[in-house]
């Protein structure tokens, strides 16, 4: 995926940040149980998509990072999953 396509795809997930070949976003929740509930939902979606983010949990904050390792960088798969994770965070 070229830089122009990446920048265009980022417009659909504006809270995600580009860092090299990775997009990442920190999500904040009211407490630890809410953060873990989100992580469990992320895990279910990721397993169904067979595309797994790096996950960092800090009490009420969860940071997700996406890249497609076997493609050597970002693909549309990363942006599609980022949108799904954004939707999960709303509910």
PDB file of N, CA and C in Angstrom:
ATOM      1  N   UNK A   1       0.862  -1.167   0.000  1.00  0.00           N
ATOM      2  CA  UNK A   1       0.000   0.000   0.000  1.00  0.00           C
ATOM      3  C   UNK A   1       0.913   1.236   0.000  1.00  0.00           C
ATOM      4  N   UNK A   2       0.718   2.100  -0.965  1.00  0.00           N
ATOM      5  CA  UNK A   2       1.546   3.297  -1.063  1.00  0.00           C
ATOM      6  C   UNK A   2       1.126   4.378  -0.081  1.00  0.00           C
ATOM      7  N   UNK A   3       1.983   5.363   0.085  1.00  0.00           N
ATOM      8  CA  UNK A   3       1.737   6.441   1.040  1.00  0.00           C
ATOM      9  C   UNK A   3       0.447   7.197   0.726  1.00  0.00           C
ATOM     10  N   UNK A   4       0.159   7.429  -0.542  1.00  0.00           N
ATOM     11  CA  UNK A   4      -1.075   8.129  -0.914  1.00  0.00           C
ATOM     12  C   UNK A   4      -2.296   7.314  -0.481  1.00  0.00           C
ATOM     13  N   UNK A   5      -2.276   6.013  -0.718  1.00  0.00           N
ATOM     14  CA  UNK A   5      -3.391   5.144  -0.328  1.00  0.00           C
ATOM     15  C   UNK A   5      -3.508   5.069   1.193  1.00  0.00           C
ATOM     16  N   UNK A   6      -2.382   5.044   1.888  1.00  0.00           N
ATOM     17  CA  UNK A   6      -2.394   5.023   3.353  1.00  0.00           C
ATOM     18  C   UNK A   6      -3.020   6.300   3.893  1.00  0.00           C
ATOM     19  N   UNK A   7      -2.597   7.443   3.371  1.00  0.00           N
ATOM     20  CA  UNK A   7      -3.161   8.719   3.823  1.00  0.00           C
ATOM     21  C   UNK A   7      -4.656   8.795   3.549  1.00  0.00           C
ATOM     22  N   UNK A   8      -5.090   8.275   2.417  1.00  0.00           N
ATOM     23  CA  UNK A   8      -6.516   8.259   2.097  1.00  0.00           C
ATOM     24  C   UNK A   8      -7.263   7.348   3.070  1.00  0.00           C
ATOM     25  N   UNK A   9      -6.703   6.188   3.369  1.00  0.00           N
ATOM     26  CA  UNK A   9      -7.343   5.237   4.289  1.00  0.00           C
ATOM     27  C   UNK A   9      -7.404   5.795   5.708  1.00  0.00           C
ATOM     28  N   UNK A  10      -6.424   6.589   6.088  1.00  0.00           N
ATOM     29  CA  UNK A  10      -6.407   7.191   7.436  1.00  0.00           C
ATOM     30  C   UNK A  10      -7.577   8.142   7.650  1.00  0.00           C
ATOM     31  N   UNK A  11      -8.124   8.700   6.591  1.00  0.00           N
ATOM     32  CA  UNK A  11      -9.257   9.615   6.758  1.00  0.00           C
ATOM     33  C   UNK A  11     -10.476   8.898   7.323  1.00  0.00           C
ATOM     34  N   UNK A  12     -10.575   7.591   7.107  1.00  0.00           N
ATOM     35  CA  UNK A  12     -11.696   6.808   7.633  1.00  0.00           C
ATOM     36  C   UNK A  12     -11.495   6.434   9.097  1.00  0.00           C
ATOM     37  N   UNK A  13     -10.262   6.545   9.587  1.00  0.00           N
ATOM     38  CA  UNK A  13      -9.947   6.222  10.988  1.00  0.00           C
ATOM     39  C   UNK A  13      -9.087   7.351  11.578  1.00  0.00           C
ATOM     40  N   UNK A  14      -9.664   8.546  11.705  1.00  0.00           N
ATOM     41  CA  UNK A  14      -8.873   9.737  12.038  1.00  0.00           C
ATOM     42  C   UNK A  14      -8.184   9.706  13.402  1.00  0.00           C
ATOM     43  N   UNK A  15      -8.618   8.865  14.316  1.00  0.00           N
ATOM     44  CA  UNK A  15      -7.976   8.823  15.629  1.00  0.00           C
ATOM     45  C   UNK A  15      -6.775   7.882  15.665  1.00  0.00           C
ATOM     46  N   UNK A  16      -6.541   7.179  14.584  1.00  0.00           N
ATOM     47  CA  UNK A  16      -5.390   6.287  14.486  1.00  0.00           C
ATOM     48  C   UNK A  16      -4.199   7.080  13.973  1.00  0.00           C
ATOM     49  N   UNK A  17      -3.025   6.757  14.497  1.00  0.00           N
ATOM     50  CA  UNK A  17      -1.797   7.453  14.131  1.00  0.00           C
ATOM     51  C   UNK A  17      -0.887   6.538  13.325  1.00  0.00           C
ATOM     52  N   UNK A  18      -0.289   7.087  12.295  1.00  0.00           N
ATOM     53  CA  UNK A  18       0.669   6.351  11.476  1.00  0.00           C
ATOM     54  C   UNK A  18       2.048   6.477  12.107  1.00  0.00           C
ATOM     55  N   UNK A  19       2.687   5.331  12.317  1.00  0.00           N
ATOM     56  CA  UNK A  19       4.052   5.295  12.851  1.00  0.00           C
ATOM     57  C   UNK A  19       4.831   4.274  12.037  1.00  0.00           C
ATOM     58  N   UNK A  20       5.489   4.728  11.002  1.00  0.00           N
ATOM     59  CA  UNK A  20       6.204   3.808  10.115  1.00  0.00           C
ATOM     60  C   UNK A  20       5.222   2.946   9.353  1.00  0.00           C
ATOM     61  N   UNK A  21       5.328   1.622   9.535  1.00  0.00           N
ATOM     62  CA  UNK A  21       4.447   0.672   8.863  1.00  0.00           C
ATOM     63  C   UNK A  21       3.329   0.188   9.775  1.00  0.00           C
ATOM     64  N   UNK A  22       2.983   0.987  10.790  1.00  0.00           N
ATOM     65  CA  UNK A  22       2.001   0.593  11.792  1.00  0.00           C
ATOM     66  C   UNK A  22       1.013   1.740  11.999  1.00  0.00           C
ATOM     67  N   UNK A  23      -0.260   1.384  12.212  1.00  0.00           N
ATOM     68  CA  UNK A  23      -1.223   2.371  12.704  1.00  0.00           C
ATOM     69  C   UNK A  23      -1.583   1.970  14.124  1.00  0.00           C
ATOM     70  N   UNK A  24      -1.760   2.966  14.991  1.00  0.00           N
ATOM     71  CA  UNK A  24      -2.080   2.666  16.387  1.00  0.00           C
ATOM     72  C   UNK A  24      -3.056   3.687  16.937  1.00  0.00           C
ATOM     73  N   UNK A  25      -3.747   3.258  17.981  1.00  0.00           N
ATOM     74  CA  UNK A  25      -4.690   4.136  18.663  1.00  0.00           C
ATOM     75  C   UNK A  25      -4.809   3.708  20.114  1.00  0.00           C
ATOM     76  N   UNK A  26      -4.898   4.694  21.002  1.00  0.00           N
ATOM     77  CA  UNK A  26      -5.158   4.440  22.424  1.00  0.00           C
ATOM     78  C   UNK A  26      -6.641   4.690  22.690  1.00  0.00           C
ATOM     79  N   UNK A  27      -7.269   3.758  23.373  1.00  0.00           N
ATOM     80  CA  UNK A  27      -8.669   3.856  23.775  1.00  0.00           C
ATOM     81  C   UNK A  27      -8.710   3.964  25.297  1.00  0.00           C
ATOM     82  N   UNK A  28      -9.514   4.876  25.832  1.00  0.00           N
ATOM     83  CA  UNK A  28      -9.644   5.030  27.287  1.00  0.00           C
ATOM     84  C   UNK A  28     -11.043   4.625  27.725  1.00  0.00           C
ATOM     85  N   UNK A  29     -11.098   3.939  28.869  1.00  0.00           N
ATOM     86  CA  UNK A  29     -12.353   3.447  29.409  1.00  0.00           C
ATOM     87  C   UNK A  29     -12.498   3.891  30.853  1.00  0.00           C
ATOM     88  N   UNK A  30     -13.678   3.685  31.424  1.00  0.00           N
ATOM     89  CA  UNK A  30     -13.932   4.177  32.782  1.00  0.00           C
ATOM     90  C   UNK A  30     -13.127   3.430  33.834  1.00  0.00           C
ATOM     91  N   UNK A  31     -12.795   2.157  33.576  1.00  0.00           N
ATOM     92  CA  UNK A  31     -12.048   1.375  34.561  1.00  0.00           C
ATOM     93  C   UNK A  31     -11.443   0.138  33.903  1.00  0.00           C
ATOM     94  N   UNK A  32     -10.742  -0.654  34.697  1.00  0.00           N
ATOM     95  CA  UNK A  32     -10.074  -1.851  34.194  1.00  0.00           C
ATOM     96  C   UNK A  32     -11.052  -2.878  33.627  1.00  0.00           C
ATOM     97  N   UNK A  33     -12.158  -3.201  34.326  1.00  0.00           N
ATOM     98  CA  UNK A  33     -13.094  -4.180  33.742  1.00  0.00           C
ATOM     99  C   UNK A  33     -13.634  -3.755  32.376  1.00  0.00           C
ATOM    100  N   UNK A  34     -13.899  -2.476  32.183  1.00  0.00           N
ATOM    101  CA  UNK A  34     -14.382  -1.994  30.885  1.00  0.00           C
ATOM    102  C   UNK A  34     -13.296  -2.162  29.816  1.00  0.00           C
ATOM    103  N   UNK A  35     -12.056  -1.899  30.178  1.00  0.00           N
ATOM    104  CA  UNK A  35     -10.947  -2.062  29.237  1.00  0.00           C
ATOM    105  C   UNK A  35     -10.799  -3.534  28.834  1.00  0.00           C
ATOM    106  N   UNK A  36     -10.917  -4.432  29.796  1.00  0.00           N
ATOM    107  CA  UNK A  36     -10.779  -5.861  29.511  1.00  0.00           C
ATOM    108  C   UNK A  36     -11.951  -6.359  28.667  1.00  0.00           C
ATOM    109  N   UNK A  37     -13.139  -5.848  28.917  1.00  0.00           N
ATOM    110  CA  UNK A  37     -14.292  -6.217  28.096  1.00  0.00           C
ATOM    111  C   UNK A  37     -14.021  -5.835  26.636  1.00  0.00           C
ATOM    112  N   UNK A  38     -13.467  -4.651  26.429  1.00  0.00           N
ATOM    113  CA  UNK A  38     -13.108  -4.201  25.080  1.00  0.00           C
ATOM    114  C   UNK A  38     -12.052  -5.124  24.469  1.00  0.00           C
ATOM    115  N   UNK A  39     -11.026  -5.455  25.234  1.00  0.00           N
ATOM    116  CA  UNK A  39      -9.954  -6.333  24.736  1.00  0.00           C
ATOM    117  C   UNK A  39     -10.526  -7.692  24.322  1.00  0.00           C
ATOM    118  N   UNK A  40     -11.435  -8.228  25.108  1.00  0.00           N
ATOM    119  CA  UNK A  40     -12.043  -9.511  24.758  1.00  0.00           C
ATOM    120  C   UNK A  40     -12.825  -9.407  23.442  1.00  0.00           C
ATOM    121  N   UNK A  41     -13.539  -8.310  23.245  1.00  0.00           N
ATOM    122  CA  UNK A  41     -14.273  -8.099  21.992  1.00  0.00           C
ATOM    123  C   UNK A  41     -13.308  -7.932  20.815  1.00  0.00           C
ATOM    124  N   UNK A  42     -12.200  -7.219  21.047  1.00  0.00           N
ATOM    125  CA  UNK A  42     -11.167  -7.060  20.025  1.00  0.00           C
ATOM    126  C   UNK A  42     -10.610  -8.431  19.644  1.00  0.00           C
ATOM    127  N   UNK A  43     -10.341  -9.257  20.640  1.00  0.00           N
ATOM    128  CA  UNK A  43      -9.793 -10.588  20.389  1.00  0.00           C
ATOM    129  C   UNK A  43     -10.744 -11.428  19.538  1.00  0.00           C
ATOM    130  N   UNK A  44     -12.035 -11.356  19.814  1.00  0.00           N
ATOM    131  CA  UNK A  44     -13.018 -12.103  19.025  1.00  0.00           C
ATOM    132  C   UNK A  44     -13.017 -11.649  17.566  1.00  0.00           C
ATOM    133  N   UNK A  45     -13.043 -10.335  17.354  1.00  0.00           N
ATOM    134  CA  UNK A  45     -13.017  -9.808  15.979  1.00  0.00           C
ATOM    135  C   UNK A  45     -11.719 -10.172  15.257  1.00  0.00           C
ATOM    136  N   UNK A  46     -10.617 -10.029  15.958  1.00  0.00           N
ATOM    137  CA  UNK A  46      -9.313 -10.311  15.360  1.00  0.00           C
ATOM    138  C   UNK A  46      -9.202 -11.781  14.962  1.00  0.00           C
ATOM    139  N   UNK A  47      -9.703 -12.651  15.810  1.00  0.00           N
ATOM    140  CA  UNK A  47      -9.634 -14.086  15.514  1.00  0.00           C
ATOM    141  C   UNK A  47     -10.490 -14.421  14.295  1.00  0.00           C
ATOM    142  N   UNK A  48     -11.677 -13.827  14.214  1.00  0.00           N
ATOM    143  CA  UNK A  48     -12.548 -14.060  13.050  1.00  0.00           C
ATOM    144  C   UNK A  48     -11.898 -13.548  11.764  1.00  0.00           C
ATOM    145  N   UNK A  49     -11.200 -12.424  11.860  1.00  0.00           N
ATOM    146  CA  UNK A  49     -10.533 -11.843  10.690  1.00  0.00           C
ATOM    147  C   UNK A  49      -9.180 -12.497  10.420  1.00  0.00           C
ATOM    148  N   UNK A  50      -8.711 -13.295  11.373  1.00  0.00           N
ATOM    149  CA  UNK A  50      -7.372 -13.905  11.320  1.00  0.00           C
ATOM    150  C   UNK A  50      -6.319 -12.824  11.068  1.00  0.00           C
ATOM    151  N   UNK A  51      -6.490 -11.737  11.846  1.00  0.00           N
ATOM    152  CA  UNK A  51      -5.580 -10.591  11.760  1.00  0.00           C
ATOM    153  C   UNK A  51      -5.505  -9.987  13.161  1.00  0.00           C
ATOM    154  N   UNK A  52      -4.368 -10.103  13.798  1.00  0.00           N
ATOM    155  CA  UNK A  52      -4.258  -9.834  15.227  1.00  0.00           C
ATOM    156  C   UNK A  52      -3.421  -8.587  15.527  1.00  0.00           C
ATOM    157  N   UNK A  53      -3.982  -7.654  16.299  1.00  0.00           N
ATOM    158  CA  UNK A  53      -3.242  -6.439  16.655  1.00  0.00           C
ATOM    159  C   UNK A  53      -2.288  -6.708  17.822  1.00  0.00           C
ATOM    160  N   UNK A  54      -1.310  -5.846  17.959  1.00  0.00           N
ATOM    161  CA  UNK A  54      -0.539  -5.803  19.201  1.00  0.00           C
ATOM    162  C   UNK A  54      -1.406  -5.050  20.196  1.00  0.00           C
ATOM    163  N   UNK A  55      -1.481  -5.541  21.427  1.00  0.00           N
ATOM    164  CA  UNK A  55      -2.356  -4.963  22.438  1.00  0.00           C
ATOM    165  C   UNK A  55      -1.537  -4.626  23.679  1.00  0.00           C
ATOM    166  N   UNK A  56      -1.678  -3.390  24.149  1.00  0.00           N
ATOM    167  CA  UNK A  56      -1.033  -2.941  25.385  1.00  0.00           C
ATOM    168  C   UNK A  56      -2.140  -2.456  26.320  1.00  0.00           C
ATOM    169  N   UNK A  57      -2.217  -3.047  27.507  1.00  0.00           N
ATOM    170  CA  UNK A  57      -3.257  -2.692  28.474  1.00  0.00           C
ATOM    171  C   UNK A  57      -2.609  -2.002  29.663  1.00  0.00           C
ATOM    172  N   UNK A  58      -3.103  -0.803  29.982  1.00  0.00           N
ATOM    173  CA  UNK A  58      -2.649  -0.023  31.137  1.00  0.00           C
ATOM    174  C   UNK A  58      -3.875   0.427  31.910  1.00  0.00           C
ATOM    175  N   UNK A  59      -4.283  -0.312  32.875  1.00  0.00           N
ATOM    176  CA  UNK A  59      -5.461  -0.101  33.709  1.00  0.00           C
ATOM    177  C   UNK A  59      -6.695   0.225  32.867  1.00  0.00           C
ATOM    178  N   UNK A  60      -6.974   1.487  32.572  1.00  0.00           N
ATOM    179  CA  UNK A  60      -8.179   1.828  31.812  1.00  0.00           C
ATOM    180  C   UNK A  60      -7.868   2.250  30.380  1.00  0.00           C
ATOM    181  N   UNK A  61      -6.644   2.061  29.944  1.00  0.00           N
ATOM    182  CA  UNK A  61      -6.247   2.450  28.596  1.00  0.00           C
ATOM    183  C   UNK A  61      -5.744   1.235  27.828  1.00  0.00           C
ATOM    184  N   UNK A  62      -6.253   1.081  26.615  1.00  0.00           N
ATOM    185  CA  UNK A  62      -5.847  -0.016  25.734  1.00  0.00           C
ATOM    186  C   UNK A  62      -5.307   0.601  24.450  1.00  0.00           C
ATOM    187  N   UNK A  63      -4.081   0.250  24.102  1.00  0.00           N
ATOM    188  CA  UNK A  63      -3.498   0.720  22.854  1.00  0.00           C
ATOM    189  C   UNK A  63      -3.408  -0.452  21.892  1.00  0.00           C
ATOM    190  N   UNK A  64      -3.945  -0.253  20.706  1.00  0.00           N
ATOM    191  CA  UNK A  64      -3.897  -1.265  19.661  1.00  0.00           C
ATOM    192  C   UNK A  64      -2.977  -0.789  18.549  1.00  0.00           C
ATOM    193  N   UNK A  65      -2.213  -1.709  17.988  1.00  0.00           N
ATOM    194  CA  UNK A  65      -1.337  -1.407  16.860  1.00  0.00           C
ATOM    195  C   UNK A  65      -1.567  -2.453  15.784  1.00  0.00           C
ATOM    196  N   UNK A  66      -1.696  -2.004  14.557  1.00  0.00           N
ATOM    197  CA  UNK A  66      -1.970  -2.889  13.432  1.00  0.00           C
ATOM    198  C   UNK A  66      -0.956  -2.721  12.313  1.00  0.00           C
ATOM    199  N   UNK A  67      -0.553  -3.826  11.746  1.00  0.00           N
ATOM    200  CA  UNK A  67       0.223  -3.891  10.520  1.00  0.00           C
ATOM    201  C   UNK A  67       0.032  -5.299   9.973  1.00  0.00           C
ATOM    202  N   UNK A  68       0.310  -5.495   8.701  1.00  0.00           N
ATOM    203  CA  UNK A  68       0.194  -6.824   8.118  1.00  0.00           C
ATOM    204  C   UNK A  68       1.604  -7.360   7.928  1.00  0.00           C
ATOM    205  N   UNK A  69       2.064  -8.131   8.910  1.00  0.00           N
ATOM    206  CA  UNK A  69       3.449  -8.609   8.922  1.00  0.00           C
ATOM    207  C   UNK A  69       3.804  -9.402   7.669  1.00  0.00           C
ATOM    208  N   UNK A  70       2.905 -10.294   7.243  1.00  0.00           N
ATOM    209  CA  UNK A  70       3.245 -11.126   6.088  1.00  0.00           C
ATOM    210  C   UNK A  70       3.254 -10.345   4.772  1.00  0.00           C
ATOM    211  N   UNK A  71       2.687  -9.129   4.775  1.00  0.00           N
ATOM    212  CA  UNK A  71       2.737  -8.267   3.586  1.00  0.00           C
ATOM    213  C   UNK A  71       3.855  -7.229   3.697  1.00  0.00           C
ATOM    214  N   UNK A  72       4.504  -7.168   4.850  1.00  0.00           N
ATOM    215  CA  UNK A  72       5.608  -6.233   5.043  1.00  0.00           C
ATOM    216  C   UNK A  72       5.185  -4.799   5.272  1.00  0.00           C
ATOM    217  N   UNK A  73       3.956  -4.600   5.733  1.00  0.00           N
ATOM    218  CA  UNK A  73       3.486  -3.237   5.997  1.00  0.00           C
ATOM    219  C   UNK A  73       1.975  -3.173   6.046  1.00  0.00           C
ATOM    220  N   UNK A  74       1.464  -1.993   5.888  1.00  0.00           N
ATOM    221  CA  UNK A  74       0.024  -1.779   5.996  1.00  0.00           C
ATOM    222  C   UNK A  74      -0.722  -2.248   4.753  1.00  0.00           C
ATOM    223  N   UNK A  75      -1.910  -2.808   4.999  1.00  0.00           N
ATOM    224  CA  UNK A  75      -2.814  -3.205   3.922  1.00  0.00           C
ATOM    225  C   UNK A  75      -4.215  -2.709   4.286  1.00  0.00           C
ATOM    226  N   UNK A  76      -5.131  -2.854   3.369  1.00  0.00           N
ATOM    227  CA  UNK A  76      -6.512  -2.453   3.627  1.00  0.00           C
ATOM    228  C   UNK A  76      -7.089  -3.230   4.806  1.00  0.00           C
ATOM    229  N   UNK A  77      -6.597  -4.431   5.012  1.00  0.00           N
ATOM    230  CA  UNK A  77      -7.029  -5.270   6.133  1.00  0.00           C
ATOM    231  C   UNK A  77      -6.856  -4.530   7.468  1.00  0.00           C
ATOM    232  N   UNK A  78      -5.753  -3.808   7.613  1.00  0.00           N
ATOM    233  CA  UNK A  78      -5.476  -3.065   8.849  1.00  0.00           C
ATOM    234  C   UNK A  78      -6.507  -1.962   9.060  1.00  0.00           C
ATOM    235  N   UNK A  79      -6.817  -1.240   8.009  1.00  0.00           N
ATOM    236  CA  UNK A  79      -7.760  -0.125   8.123  1.00  0.00           C
ATOM    237  C   UNK A  79      -9.194  -0.615   8.335  1.00  0.00           C
ATOM    238  N   UNK A  80      -9.541  -1.736   7.706  1.00  0.00           N
ATOM    239  CA  UNK A  80     -10.867  -2.307   7.913  1.00  0.00           C
ATOM    240  C   UNK A  80     -11.044  -2.733   9.375  1.00  0.00           C
ATOM    241  N   UNK A  81     -10.033  -3.378   9.921  1.00  0.00           N
ATOM    242  CA  UNK A  81     -10.106  -3.823  11.313  1.00  0.00           C
ATOM    243  C   UNK A  81     -10.089  -2.630  12.270  1.00  0.00           C
ATOM    244  N   UNK A  82      -9.321  -1.603  11.948  1.00  0.00           N
ATOM    245  CA  UNK A  82      -9.300  -0.393  12.782  1.00  0.00           C
ATOM    246  C   UNK A  82     -10.701   0.207  12.873  1.00  0.00           C
ATOM    247  N   UNK A  83     -11.421   0.253  11.763  1.00  0.00           N
ATOM    248  CA  UNK A  83     -12.789   0.765  11.780  1.00  0.00           C
ATOM    249  C   UNK A  83     -13.690  -0.087  12.673  1.00  0.00           C
ATOM    250  N   UNK A  84     -13.515  -1.385  12.611  1.00  0.00           N
ATOM    251  CA  UNK A  84     -14.313  -2.274  13.453  1.00  0.00           C
ATOM    252  C   UNK A  84     -13.993  -2.065  14.931  1.00  0.00           C
ATOM    253  N   UNK A  85     -12.715  -1.861  15.244  1.00  0.00           N
ATOM    254  CA  UNK A  85     -12.331  -1.612  16.643  1.00  0.00           C
ATOM    255  C   UNK A  85     -12.903  -0.277  17.125  1.00  0.00           C
ATOM    256  N   UNK A  86     -12.915   0.723  16.253  1.00  0.00           N
ATOM    257  CA  UNK A  86     -13.524   2.009  16.605  1.00  0.00           C
ATOM    258  C   UNK A  86     -14.987   1.817  16.962  1.00  0.00           C
ATOM    259  N   UNK A  87     -15.701   1.024  16.174  1.00  0.00           N
ATOM    260  CA  UNK A  87     -17.108   0.769  16.446  1.00  0.00           C
ATOM    261  C   UNK A  87     -17.300   0.043  17.787  1.00  0.00           C
ATOM    262  N   UNK A  88     -16.421  -0.921  18.066  1.00  0.00           N
ATOM    263  CA  UNK A  88     -16.492  -1.646  19.346  1.00  0.00           C
ATOM    264  C   UNK A  88     -16.356  -0.694  20.532  1.00  0.00           C
ATOM    265  N   UNK A  89     -15.514   0.297  20.391  1.00  0.00           N
ATOM    266  CA  UNK A  89     -15.231   1.205  21.510  1.00  0.00           C
ATOM    267  C   UNK A  89     -16.439   2.065  21.855  1.00  0.00           C
ATOM    268  N   UNK A  90     -17.363   2.191  20.915  1.00  0.00           N
ATOM    269  CA  UNK A  90     -18.557   3.007  21.138  1.00  0.00           C
ATOM    270  C   UNK A  90     -19.622   2.278  21.948  1.00  0.00           C
ATOM    271  N   UNK A  91     -19.570   0.956  21.927  1.00  0.00           N
ATOM    272  CA  UNK A  91     -20.608   0.193  22.601  1.00  0.00           C
ATOM    273  C   UNK A  91     -20.082  -0.516  23.739  1.00  0.00           C
TER     274      UNK A  91
END
